[in-house]
Amino acid sequence: MRASEKWYGVATMVAIVEAEGPDRRVQVGGLRRLYRRPAQRPRHKLVDTVPDEALAKLLSGFGHPQRVAIAKAIFTGAGRYADLRERVGLKAGPMYHHLRELRLAGVLADGPRDVYRLTPQGRDALILACSLASLRPGRSAGP
């Protein structure tokens, strides 16, 4: 695509690259809906690829600040229940409620008793959401 050409529409490209020692994991996803004329840019083709119920279910997992804090804590290594309670600072009742909601949303996977891990979809959604939030204009970069 040359800069002098006019294009219309929406395109997305997401790459998640993770390295641990010699192991590399790369996920690339993209969707391109660009057209030569403005009348050809049906945005609904982009958003209609995911059923409303599936998107709402995934997003509901991150619909509360304490659930986001739990997911971030699990992502950074606090998978045991005791570690989560210490990091997030919730009492048992609210903690189990939010863990249940994360599980129902498909963000958490079942593991051994009192050990939690993110599902691949939950992990990628958290990475993507944190990446997008860090791109907001006017927000200073963190350490």
C-alpha atoms as a PDB file:
ATOM      1  CA  MET A   1       0.000   0.000   0.000  1.00  0.00           C
ATOM      2  CA  ARG A   2       1.489   3.309  -1.033  1.00  0.00           C
ATOM      3  CA  ALA A   3       0.986   6.465   1.013  1.00  0.00           C
ATOM      4  CA  SER A   4      -0.418   8.272  -2.024  1.00  0.00           C
ATOM      5  CA  GLU A   5      -3.270   5.755  -2.372  1.00  0.00           C
ATOM      6  CA  LYS A   6      -6.515   6.361  -0.526  1.00  0.00           C
ATOM      7  CA  TRP A   7      -7.925   3.479   1.491  1.00  0.00           C
ATOM      8  CA  TYR A   8     -10.989   3.238   3.735  1.00  0.00           C
ATOM      9  CA  GLY A   9     -12.026   0.822   6.442  1.00  0.00           C
ATOM     10  CA  VAL A  10     -10.665  -0.887   9.513  1.00  0.00           C
ATOM     11  CA  ALA A  11      -7.709  -3.253   9.892  1.00  0.00           C
ATOM     12  CA  THR A  12      -6.312  -4.941  12.977  1.00  0.00           C
ATOM     13  CA  MET A  13      -3.039  -6.732  13.594  1.00  0.00           C
ATOM     14  CA  VAL A  14      -2.106  -8.321  16.880  1.00  0.00           C
ATOM     15  CA  ALA A  15       1.168 -10.061  17.676  1.00  0.00           C
ATOM     16  CA  ILE A  16       1.892 -11.600  21.063  1.00  0.00           C
ATOM     17  CA  VAL A  17       5.515 -12.648  21.416  1.00  0.00           C
ATOM     18  CA  GLU A  18       6.746 -14.406  24.526  1.00  0.00           C
ATOM     19  CA  ALA A  19      10.181 -15.845  25.241  1.00  0.00           C
ATOM     20  CA  GLU A  20      11.317 -18.020  28.087  1.00  0.00           C
ATOM     21  CA  GLY A  21      14.891 -19.149  27.713  1.00  0.00           C
ATOM     22  CA  PRO A  22      15.336 -20.815  24.340  1.00  0.00           C
ATOM     23  CA  ASP A  23      11.568 -21.292  23.899  1.00  0.00           C
ATOM     24  CA  ARG A  24       9.670 -18.773  21.793  1.00  0.00           C
ATOM     25  CA  ARG A  25       5.938 -18.415  21.398  1.00  0.00           C
ATOM     26  CA  VAL A  26       4.545 -16.139  18.726  1.00  0.00           C
ATOM     27  CA  GLN A  27       0.887 -15.592  17.991  1.00  0.00           C
ATOM     28  CA  VAL A  28      -0.129 -13.355  15.127  1.00  0.00           C
ATOM     29  CA  GLY A  29      -3.670 -12.508  14.249  1.00  0.00           C
ATOM     30  CA  GLY A  30      -5.020  -9.999  11.859  1.00  0.00           C
ATOM     31  CA  LEU A  31      -8.091  -8.956  10.014  1.00  0.00           C
ATOM     32  CA  ARG A  32      -8.017  -6.649   7.052  1.00  0.00           C
ATOM     33  CA  ARG A  33     -11.023  -4.867   5.707  1.00  0.00           C
ATOM     34  CA  LEU A  34      -9.668  -2.044   3.578  1.00  0.00           C
ATOM     35  CA  TYR A  35     -11.342  -0.812   0.419  1.00  0.00           C
ATOM     36  CA  ARG A  36     -10.628   1.647  -2.372  1.00  0.00           C
ATOM     37  CA  ARG A  37     -13.906   3.582  -2.070  1.00  0.00           C
ATOM     38  CA  PRO A  38     -15.585   4.886   1.120  1.00  0.00           C
ATOM     39  CA  ALA A  39     -18.924   3.278   0.267  1.00  0.00           C
ATOM     40  CA  GLN A  40     -17.314  -0.169   0.353  1.00  0.00           C
ATOM     41  CA  ARG A  41     -16.154  -0.055   3.968  1.00  0.00           C
ATOM     42  CA  PRO A  42     -18.762  -2.081   5.851  1.00  0.00           C
ATOM     43  CA  ARG A  43     -17.543  -1.989   9.442  1.00  0.00           C
ATOM     44  CA  HIS A  44     -20.083  -4.617  10.418  1.00  0.00           C
ATOM     45  CA  LYS A  45     -17.939  -7.239   8.679  1.00  0.00           C
ATOM     46  CA  LEU A  46     -15.240  -6.631  11.289  1.00  0.00           C
ATOM     47  CA  VAL A  47     -17.447  -6.772  14.373  1.00  0.00           C
ATOM     48  CA  ASP A  48     -19.808  -9.494  13.155  1.00  0.00           C
ATOM     49  CA  THR A  49     -17.049 -12.119  13.122  1.00  0.00           C
ATOM     50  CA  VAL A  50     -17.488 -12.657  16.875  1.00  0.00           C
ATOM     51  CA  PRO A  51     -20.919 -13.508  18.330  1.00  0.00           C
ATOM     52  CA  ASP A  52     -22.187 -10.899  20.799  1.00  0.00           C
ATOM     53  CA  GLU A  53     -22.662 -13.501  23.545  1.00  0.00           C
ATOM     54  CA  ALA A  54     -19.091 -14.797  23.260  1.00  0.00           C
ATOM     55  CA  LEU A  55     -17.613 -11.299  23.418  1.00  0.00           C
ATOM     56  CA  ALA A  56     -19.840 -10.257  26.327  1.00  0.00           C
ATOM     57  CA  LYS A  57     -18.909 -13.437  28.230  1.00  0.00           C
ATOM     58  CA  LEU A  58     -15.167 -12.822  27.831  1.00  0.00           C
ATOM     59  CA  LEU A  59     -15.391  -9.115  28.677  1.00  0.00           C
ATOM     60  CA  SER A  60     -17.536  -9.807  31.756  1.00  0.00           C
ATOM     61  CA  GLY A  61     -14.545 -11.561  33.268  1.00  0.00           C
ATOM     62  CA  PHE A  62     -12.693  -8.255  33.290  1.00  0.00           C
ATOM     63  CA  GLY A  63     -15.762  -6.209  34.234  1.00  0.00           C
ATOM     64  CA  HIS A  64     -14.698  -5.541  37.829  1.00  0.00           C
ATOM     65  CA  PRO A  65     -11.433  -4.013  39.112  1.00  0.00           C
ATOM     66  CA  GLN A  66     -10.916  -6.838  41.598  1.00  0.00           C
ATOM     67  CA  ARG A  67     -11.230  -9.442  38.825  1.00  0.00           C
ATOM     68  CA  VAL A  68      -8.664  -7.567  36.797  1.00  0.00           C
ATOM     69  CA  ALA A  69      -6.369  -7.499  39.842  1.00  0.00           C
ATOM     70  CA  ILE A  70      -6.825 -11.258  40.313  1.00  0.00           C
ATOM     71  CA  ALA A  71      -6.072 -11.983  36.647  1.00  0.00           C
ATOM     72  CA  LYS A  72      -2.979  -9.758  36.763  1.00  0.00           C
ATOM     73  CA  ALA A  73      -1.776 -11.467  39.944  1.00  0.00           C
ATOM     74  CA  ILE A  74      -2.197 -14.922  38.379  1.00  0.00           C
ATOM     75  CA  PHE A  75      -0.424 -13.768  35.220  1.00  0.00           C
ATOM     76  CA  THR A  76       2.538 -12.523  37.268  1.00  0.00           C
ATOM     77  CA  GLY A  77       2.907 -15.756  39.238  1.00  0.00           C
ATOM     78  CA  ALA A  78       0.467 -15.827  42.144  1.00  0.00           C
ATOM     79  CA  GLY A  79      -1.453 -18.955  41.235  1.00  0.00           C
ATOM     80  CA  ARG A  80      -2.095 -20.345  44.700  1.00  0.00           C
ATOM     81  CA  TYR A  81      -5.156 -19.157  46.609  1.00  0.00           C
ATOM     82  CA  ALA A  82      -3.100 -17.926  49.596  1.00  0.00           C
ATOM     83  CA  ASP A  83      -0.825 -15.907  47.304  1.00  0.00           C
ATOM     84  CA  LEU A  84      -3.831 -14.368  45.547  1.00  0.00           C
ATOM     85  CA  ARG A  85      -5.482 -13.356  48.819  1.00  0.00           C
ATOM     86  CA  GLU A  86      -2.241 -11.746  49.958  1.00  0.00           C
ATOM     87  CA  ARG A  87      -1.724  -9.846  46.685  1.00  0.00           C
ATOM     88  CA  VAL A  88      -5.307  -8.763  46.086  1.00  0.00           C
ATOM     89  CA  GLY A  89      -6.326  -8.292  49.719  1.00  0.00           C
ATOM     90  CA  LEU A  90      -9.821  -9.797  49.491  1.00  0.00           C
ATOM     91  CA  LYS A  91     -11.644 -11.802  52.128  1.00  0.00           C
ATOM     92  CA  ALA A  92     -12.646 -15.385  51.331  1.00  0.00           C
ATOM     93  CA  GLY A  93     -16.243 -14.687  50.240  1.00  0.00           C
ATOM     94  CA  PRO A  94     -15.504 -11.940  47.693  1.00  0.00           C
ATOM     95  CA  MET A  95     -12.411 -13.816  46.501  1.00  0.00           C
ATOM     96  CA  TYR A  96     -14.368 -16.982  45.683  1.00  0.00           C
ATOM     97  CA  HIS A  97     -17.116 -14.907  44.047  1.00  0.00           C
ATOM     98  CA  HIS A  98     -14.661 -13.192  41.690  1.00  0.00           C
ATOM     99  CA  LEU A  99     -12.781 -16.436  40.979  1.00  0.00           C
ATOM    100  CA  ARG A 100     -16.098 -18.043  40.053  1.00  0.00           C
ATOM    101  CA  GLU A 101     -16.985 -15.161  37.733  1.00  0.00           C
ATOM    102  CA  LEU A 102     -13.575 -15.390  36.046  1.00  0.00           C
ATOM    103  CA  ARG A 103     -14.053 -19.136  35.592  1.00  0.00           C
ATOM    104  CA  LEU A 104     -17.562 -18.684  34.145  1.00  0.00           C
ATOM    105  CA  ALA A 105     -16.208 -16.074  31.706  1.00  0.00           C
ATOM    106  CA  GLY A 106     -13.613 -18.543  30.440  1.00  0.00           C
ATOM    107  CA  VAL A 107     -10.682 -16.543  31.809  1.00  0.00           C
ATOM    108  CA  LEU A 108      -9.613 -19.060  34.482  1.00  0.00           C
ATOM    109  CA  ALA A 109      -8.979 -22.761  33.992  1.00  0.00           C
ATOM    110  CA  ASP A 110      -9.664 -25.431  36.569  1.00  0.00           C
ATOM    111  CA  GLY A 111      -6.532 -26.783  38.163  1.00  0.00           C
ATOM    112  CA  PRO A 112      -5.567 -28.640  41.327  1.00  0.00           C
ATOM    113  CA  ARG A 113      -7.374 -27.519  44.456  1.00  0.00           C
ATOM    114  CA  ASP A 114      -6.631 -23.883  45.337  1.00  0.00           C
ATOM    115  CA  VAL A 115      -4.320 -23.380  42.342  1.00  0.00           C
ATOM    116  CA  TYR A 116      -5.478 -21.128  39.520  1.00  0.00           C
ATOM    117  CA  ARG A 117      -4.195 -20.411  36.024  1.00  0.00           C
ATOM    118  CA  LEU A 118      -5.417 -18.300  33.143  1.00  0.00           C
ATOM    119  CA  THR A 119      -6.839 -19.976  30.060  1.00  0.00           C
ATOM    120  CA  PRO A 120      -4.991 -19.194  26.820  1.00  0.00           C
ATOM    121  CA  GLN A 121      -7.902 -16.940  25.806  1.00  0.00           C
ATOM    122  CA  GLY A 122      -7.925 -15.211  29.209  1.00  0.00           C
ATOM    123  CA  ARG A 123      -4.169 -14.737  29.124  1.00  0.00           C
ATOM    124  CA  ASP A 124      -4.209 -13.256  25.627  1.00  0.00           C
ATOM    125  CA  ALA A 125      -7.194 -11.025  26.465  1.00  0.00           C
ATOM    126  CA  LEU A 126      -5.345  -9.669  29.523  1.00  0.00           C
ATOM    127  CA  ILE A 127      -2.172  -9.006  27.515  1.00  0.00           C
ATOM    128  CA  LEU A 128      -4.159  -7.287  24.770  1.00  0.00           C
ATOM    129  CA  ALA A 129      -6.225  -5.193  27.201  1.00  0.00           C
ATOM    130  CA  CYS A 130      -3.118  -4.044  29.104  1.00  0.00           C
ATOM    131  CA  SER A 131      -1.369  -3.225  25.824  1.00  0.00           C
ATOM    132  CA  LEU A 132      -4.323  -1.209  24.552  1.00  0.00           C
ATOM    133  CA  ALA A 133      -4.725   0.620  27.865  1.00  0.00           C
ATOM    134  CA  SER A 134      -1.049   1.635  27.777  1.00  0.00           C
ATOM    135  CA  LEU A 135      -1.599   3.300  24.363  1.00  0.00           C
ATOM    136  CA  ARG A 136      -4.213   5.782  25.581  1.00  0.00           C
ATOM    137  CA  PRO A 137      -3.292   9.369  24.681  1.00  0.00           C
ATOM    138  CA  GLY A 138      -2.330  11.546  27.603  1.00  0.00           C
ATOM    139  CA  ARG A 139      -1.412   8.640  29.856  1.00  0.00           C
ATOM    140  CA  SER A 140       2.124   8.696  31.142  1.00  0.00           C
ATOM    141  CA  ALA A 141       4.186   5.557  30.696  1.00  0.00           C
ATOM    142  CA  GLY A 142       4.808   3.556  33.830  1.00  0.00           C
ATOM    143  CA  PRO A 143       8.177   2.333  35.109  1.00  0.00           C
END
